[in-house]
Amino acid sequence: MARPIQDAIMLLGDSITSRQDVPLSLNALLSETYRRNFDILNRGLGGYNTKFYLPSLNEFFLNKEEEKRNFILKRNYQKIKLITIWFGANDSVLPEFIQYVPLEEFIKNINLILEKITFEEKENFENKNNKNDDDDDFLNIILITPPPILEKMMENQEFSNQRKLKNTKKYAEGILNIGKQWQEKEKENSNKNKKWKIRTIDMFNGILNDAGGTEDQLKPYFIDGLHLSTKGYEVLWKKLLPILENDFKGRGISPSEIEFTIPDWSILDYSNSNSAVDKMKSPYKRV
């Protein structure tokens, strides 16, 4: 069995998160930015809506009993430093199609996902705080709206005629409203040992504004009218990177502030073959 040697970034979502067949996807950009810093745990599930994703969420995290066993056996478990949440492309299909989730239920499901991950973080913090652990166990959360669609590009796809731009817009607006509400919660709880912080990225209007229209101007941003091209993911990265560097500064995730888990070869002691392990970052280093 493999053992963790560094913290992790977890990606929650559908195929727009999971797909890696497009150069410079979200997964690829994070993997390059955080190589030798964090493991990227891609939990994007193609075709899933939030209704079917929610039951799977519990399988992605240790429960209390598993955490207790790890503690007793002195096993390390991976801390999650960043979670991206990117849904809506499937929930927003038209009502006659199987993936459809009503907007009100979609909003409820996103809130349940947020409650799950922030509750776990609160519990972990309170347990660790009693042990005088390091004070850097921050959880950073990125909520992302579904992107727009280009219906004419979907004509020869199996999912043609299942989506309308105006309907996707409603789900994007729902995500924006959820983001505002959770940022208010963040402010309210800032002095109550809340270690999570959340920011929202508007990919719906982000792509529309970058393209300058809703018709042929959108073609470069998609591979099939639904899934993003490299140019589409580029819009996301332009919005995500400043959040990582500025909004999350000092929270253990800013690319300019972190170091390799296993040190760069240039600082090794070449008279000592164990120097890489000696200089390895805690807390995963064996004592």
Protein backbone atom coordinates (compact mmCIF):
# COMPACT_ATOMS: atom_id res chain seq x y z
CA MET A 1 0.00 0.00 0.00
CA ALA A 2 1.16 3.50 -0.76
CA ARG A 3 1.54 5.98 2.07
CA PRO A 4 0.99 9.74 1.66
CA ILE A 5 4.04 11.98 1.59
CA GLN A 6 2.25 15.29 0.99
CA ASP A 7 -1.09 17.06 1.30
CA ALA A 8 -3.76 16.92 -1.39
CA ILE A 9 -6.04 18.96 -3.61
CA MET A 10 -9.45 17.39 -4.34
CA LEU A 11 -11.53 18.13 -7.42
CA LEU A 12 -15.28 17.47 -7.15
CA GLY A 13 -17.44 17.65 -10.25
CA ASP A 14 -18.60 16.03 -13.47
CA SER A 15 -16.84 15.37 -16.79
CA ILE A 16 -15.69 18.99 -17.14
CA THR A 17 -13.57 18.24 -14.07
CA SER A 18 -12.69 14.62 -14.82
CA ARG A 19 -11.71 14.84 -18.50
CA GLN A 20 -8.01 14.98 -19.19
CA ASP A 21 -8.05 14.50 -22.95
CA VAL A 22 -7.84 18.27 -23.49
CA PRO A 23 -4.41 19.90 -23.05
CA LEU A 24 -4.16 22.21 -20.02
CA SER A 25 -7.38 21.06 -18.36
CA LEU A 26 -8.02 22.01 -14.73
CA ASN A 27 -6.39 18.76 -13.60
CA ALA A 28 -3.34 19.35 -15.78
CA LEU A 29 -2.89 22.98 -14.71
CA LEU A 30 -3.08 22.12 -11.02
CA SER A 31 -0.79 19.10 -11.45
CA GLU A 32 1.90 21.25 -13.05
CA THR A 33 1.50 24.17 -10.65
CA TYR A 34 1.67 21.94 -7.57
CA ARG A 35 3.99 19.15 -8.75
CA ARG A 36 5.94 17.81 -5.76
CA ASN A 37 3.75 19.94 -3.45
CA PHE A 38 0.31 18.31 -3.47
CA ASP A 39 -1.33 15.20 -4.85
CA ILE A 40 -4.25 16.02 -7.16
CA LEU A 41 -7.22 13.79 -6.31
CA ASN A 42 -9.56 14.05 -9.29
CA ARG A 43 -13.01 12.96 -8.15
CA GLY A 44 -14.83 14.25 -11.21
CA LEU A 45 -17.48 11.74 -12.31
CA GLY A 46 -18.56 12.10 -15.92
CA GLY A 47 -22.31 12.15 -16.47
CA TYR A 48 -23.13 12.63 -12.79
CA ASN A 49 -25.49 15.21 -11.42
CA THR A 50 -25.45 16.40 -7.80
CA LYS A 51 -28.24 13.98 -6.80
CA PHE A 52 -26.12 10.93 -7.57
CA TYR A 53 -22.83 12.54 -6.59
CA LEU A 54 -23.86 13.26 -2.98
CA PRO A 55 -23.96 9.61 -1.79
CA SER A 56 -20.48 9.07 -3.25
CA LEU A 57 -19.07 12.01 -1.31
CA ASN A 58 -18.83 10.04 1.94
CA GLU A 59 -16.52 7.55 0.20
CA PHE A 60 -13.97 10.26 -0.51
CA PHE A 61 -13.27 11.17 3.13
CA LEU A 62 -12.24 9.25 6.23
CA ASN A 63 -14.99 8.91 8.79
CA LYS A 64 -14.44 9.43 12.51
CA GLU A 65 -13.76 5.77 13.26
CA GLU A 66 -11.19 5.54 10.48
CA GLU A 67 -9.49 8.69 11.75
CA LYS A 68 -9.36 7.25 15.26
CA ARG A 69 -7.80 4.02 13.98
CA ASN A 70 -5.20 5.98 12.05
CA PHE A 71 -4.38 7.98 15.15
CA ILE A 72 -4.06 4.87 17.34
CA LEU A 73 -1.89 3.11 14.75
CA LYS A 74 0.10 6.32 14.19
CA ARG A 75 -0.76 6.36 10.49
CA ASN A 76 -0.75 9.57 8.54
CA TYR A 77 -3.78 10.55 6.52
CA GLN A 78 -3.75 13.15 3.77
CA LYS A 79 -4.86 16.64 4.64
CA ILE A 80 -6.85 18.39 1.93
CA LYS A 81 -5.71 21.96 1.33
CA LEU A 82 -7.97 22.89 -1.59
CA ILE A 83 -11.31 21.61 -2.90
CA THR A 84 -12.90 22.70 -6.17
CA ILE A 85 -16.65 22.18 -6.61
CA TRP A 86 -17.86 22.37 -10.20
CA PHE A 87 -21.37 21.15 -11.03
CA GLY A 88 -24.39 22.22 -13.04
CA ALA A 89 -23.66 21.08 -16.59
CA ASN A 90 -25.69 17.89 -16.11
CA ASP A 91 -28.20 19.07 -13.48
CA SER A 92 -29.33 21.78 -15.91
CA VAL A 93 -30.48 19.52 -18.76
CA LEU A 94 -34.08 19.98 -19.78
CA PRO A 95 -36.70 18.31 -17.51
CA GLU A 96 -37.49 15.44 -19.92
CA PHE A 97 -33.93 14.07 -19.69
CA ILE A 98 -32.70 11.66 -17.03
CA GLN A 99 -29.91 13.82 -15.61
CA TYR A 100 -32.23 16.72 -14.80
CA VAL A 101 -32.23 18.05 -11.24
CA PRO A 102 -34.65 20.92 -10.45
CA LEU A 103 -32.89 24.17 -9.62
CA GLU A 104 -34.12 24.21 -6.01
CA GLU A 105 -32.83 20.67 -5.44
CA PHE A 106 -29.54 21.53 -7.14
CA ILE A 107 -29.05 24.48 -4.78
CA LYS A 108 -29.87 22.25 -1.81
CA ASN A 109 -27.37 19.62 -2.99
CA ILE A 110 -24.54 22.13 -3.41
CA ASN A 111 -25.21 23.43 0.09
CA LEU A 112 -25.13 19.85 1.41
CA ILE A 113 -21.73 19.32 -0.24
CA LEU A 114 -20.44 22.51 1.36
CA GLU A 115 -21.89 21.58 4.75
CA LYS A 116 -20.25 18.17 4.54
CA ILE A 117 -16.75 19.41 3.78
CA THR A 118 -16.83 22.40 6.14
CA PHE A 119 -18.25 20.30 8.99
CA GLU A 120 -15.46 17.76 8.53
CA GLU A 121 -12.92 20.56 8.60
CA LYS A 122 -14.43 22.01 11.78
CA GLU A 123 -14.33 18.60 13.49
CA ASN A 124 -10.75 17.98 12.40
CA PHE A 125 -9.67 21.39 13.61
CA GLU A 126 -11.26 21.02 17.02
CA ASN A 127 -9.71 17.58 17.51
CA LYS A 128 -6.27 18.77 16.45
CA ASN A 129 -6.50 22.01 18.37
CA ASN A 130 -6.69 20.05 21.61
CA LYS A 131 -3.36 18.44 20.73
CA ASN A 132 -1.61 21.77 20.03
CA ASP A 133 -1.03 20.82 16.42
CA ASP A 134 0.24 23.25 13.81
CA ASP A 135 -2.05 26.17 13.11
CA ASP A 136 -1.87 25.86 9.32
CA ASP A 137 -4.65 23.34 8.64
CA PHE A 138 -6.64 25.62 6.39
CA LEU A 139 -9.21 24.36 3.91
CA ASN A 140 -9.60 26.51 0.81
CA ILE A 141 -12.74 26.07 -1.30
CA ILE A 142 -13.39 27.12 -4.90
CA LEU A 143 -17.00 27.06 -6.11
CA ILE A 144 -17.33 27.23 -9.90
CA THR A 145 -20.42 27.97 -11.99
CA PRO A 146 -21.25 25.81 -15.01
CA PRO A 147 -19.88 27.37 -18.19
CA PRO A 148 -22.19 28.49 -21.00
CA ILE A 149 -22.97 26.12 -23.85
CA LEU A 150 -23.03 26.41 -27.62
CA GLU A 151 -26.07 24.48 -28.80
CA LYS A 152 -25.14 24.41 -32.51
CA MET A 153 -21.90 22.55 -31.73
CA MET A 154 -23.88 19.77 -30.03
CA GLU A 155 -25.93 18.85 -33.11
CA ASN A 156 -24.02 15.63 -33.85
CA GLN A 157 -23.41 14.69 -30.21
CA GLU A 158 -25.34 12.12 -28.18
CA PHE A 159 -26.36 14.93 -25.83
CA SER A 160 -27.80 17.20 -28.55
CA ASN A 161 -31.06 19.03 -27.80
CA GLN A 162 -30.72 18.32 -24.07
CA ARG A 163 -29.60 21.77 -22.93
CA LYS A 164 -30.51 25.43 -23.43
CA LEU A 165 -28.24 28.37 -22.67
CA LYS A 166 -30.93 30.24 -20.76
CA ASN A 167 -31.48 27.24 -18.50
CA THR A 168 -27.78 26.77 -17.78
CA LYS A 169 -27.67 30.45 -16.85
CA LYS A 170 -30.18 29.84 -14.02
CA TYR A 171 -27.92 27.19 -12.49
CA ALA A 172 -24.89 29.46 -12.83
CA GLU A 173 -26.78 32.21 -11.03
CA GLY A 174 -27.70 29.70 -8.34
CA ILE A 175 -24.02 28.95 -7.74
CA LEU A 176 -23.20 32.65 -7.55
CA ASN A 177 -25.89 33.17 -4.92
CA ILE A 178 -24.65 30.18 -2.91
CA GLY A 179 -21.14 31.60 -3.04
CA LYS A 180 -22.31 34.95 -1.68
CA GLN A 181 -24.20 33.26 1.16
CA TRP A 182 -21.21 31.16 2.15
CA GLN A 183 -18.86 34.12 2.09
CA GLU A 184 -21.23 35.79 4.53
CA LYS A 185 -21.03 32.68 6.73
CA GLU A 186 -17.27 32.87 6.46
CA LYS A 187 -17.30 36.43 7.78
CA GLU A 188 -19.74 35.62 10.57
CA ASN A 189 -17.66 32.68 11.74
CA SER A 190 -14.22 34.23 11.31
CA ASN A 191 -13.66 34.40 15.07
CA LYS A 192 -15.05 30.95 15.88
CA ASN A 193 -12.12 28.77 14.85
CA LYS A 194 -13.48 28.33 11.34
CA LYS A 195 -10.57 27.27 9.19
CA TRP A 196 -12.29 27.25 5.81
CA LYS A 197 -12.43 30.01 3.24
CA ILE A 198 -14.51 30.06 0.05
CA ARG A 199 -14.38 31.94 -3.25
CA THR A 200 -16.58 31.65 -6.34
CA ILE A 201 -15.59 31.73 -10.01
CA ASP A 202 -18.18 32.81 -12.59
CA MET A 203 -17.31 30.69 -15.61
CA PHE A 204 -20.65 31.35 -17.30
CA ASN A 205 -20.13 35.08 -17.72
CA GLY A 206 -16.36 34.69 -17.75
CA ILE A 207 -16.42 32.80 -21.04
CA LEU A 208 -19.20 34.92 -22.54
CA ASN A 209 -17.29 38.11 -21.76
CA ASP A 210 -14.01 36.70 -23.05
CA ALA A 211 -15.68 35.50 -26.26
CA GLY A 212 -17.72 38.67 -26.77
CA GLY A 213 -20.89 36.85 -27.82
CA THR A 214 -23.08 33.76 -27.55
CA GLU A 215 -22.82 32.32 -31.08
CA ASP A 216 -19.80 31.49 -33.24
CA GLN A 217 -17.58 33.55 -30.94
CA LEU A 218 -17.89 30.70 -28.42
CA LYS A 219 -16.54 27.95 -30.71
CA PRO A 220 -12.87 28.23 -29.64
CA TYR A 221 -13.86 27.66 -26.00
CA PHE A 222 -15.45 24.22 -26.53
CA ILE A 223 -14.67 20.90 -28.16
CA ASP A 224 -18.32 19.94 -28.60
CA GLY A 225 -20.46 22.80 -27.30
CA LEU A 226 -20.48 21.42 -23.75
CA HIS A 227 -16.97 20.35 -22.75
CA LEU A 228 -14.25 22.96 -22.60
CA SER A 229 -11.28 23.30 -24.91
CA THR A 230 -7.85 24.49 -23.79
CA LYS A 231 -9.04 28.06 -24.39
CA GLY A 232 -12.04 27.45 -22.14
CA TYR A 233 -9.87 26.16 -19.30
CA GLU A 234 -7.59 29.15 -19.84
CA VAL A 235 -10.46 31.44 -18.80
CA LEU A 236 -10.82 29.43 -15.61
CA TRP A 237 -7.11 29.57 -14.84
CA LYS A 238 -6.96 33.33 -15.31
CA LYS A 239 -9.59 33.62 -12.60
CA LEU A 240 -8.34 30.84 -10.34
CA LEU A 241 -4.65 31.73 -10.10
CA PRO A 242 -5.18 35.23 -8.57
CA ILE A 243 -7.46 33.69 -5.94
CA LEU A 244 -4.80 31.13 -5.04
CA GLU A 245 -2.10 33.79 -4.88
CA ASN A 246 -4.02 36.64 -3.25
CA ASP A 247 -7.27 35.59 -1.56
CA PHE A 248 -5.70 32.43 -0.16
CA LYS A 249 -2.33 33.99 0.62
CA GLY A 250 -0.87 32.68 3.87
CA ARG A 251 -3.17 29.66 3.85
CA GLY A 252 -0.68 27.08 2.62
CA ILE A 253 -1.86 26.97 -1.01
CA SER A 254 -0.43 30.05 -2.78
CA PRO A 255 1.98 28.72 -5.46
CA SER A 256 4.57 31.41 -4.70
CA GLU A 257 4.66 30.52 -0.99
CA ILE A 258 5.09 26.74 -1.02
CA GLU A 259 8.14 24.50 -1.28
CA PHE A 260 8.70 21.01 -2.64
CA THR A 261 7.80 18.23 -0.23
CA ILE A 262 10.98 16.35 -1.17
CA PRO A 263 13.66 19.01 -1.66
CA ASP A 264 15.08 20.22 -4.94
CA TRP A 265 18.18 18.33 -6.05
CA SER A 266 20.24 21.53 -5.96
CA ILE A 267 20.16 21.75 -2.15
CA LEU A 268 21.02 18.13 -1.41
CA ASP A 269 24.16 17.17 0.47
CA TYR A 270 25.92 15.02 -2.08
CA SER A 271 28.14 13.49 0.59
CA ASN A 272 25.02 12.04 2.23
CA SER A 273 22.62 9.91 0.16
CA ASN A 274 19.95 10.28 2.85
CA SER A 275 19.92 14.07 2.67
CA ALA A 276 16.73 14.15 0.55
CA VAL A 277 14.85 12.29 3.27
CA ASP A 278 16.52 14.34 6.00
CA LYS A 279 15.30 17.55 4.37
CA MET A 280 11.80 16.23 3.58
CA LYS A 281 8.91 18.36 4.87
CA SER A 282 6.79 17.26 7.83
CA PRO A 283 4.32 15.89 8.83
CA TYR A 284 4.57 12.88 6.53
CA LYS A 285 8.26 12.24 7.04
CA ARG A 286 8.89 9.14 9.11
CA VAL A 287 10.45 9.97 12.48
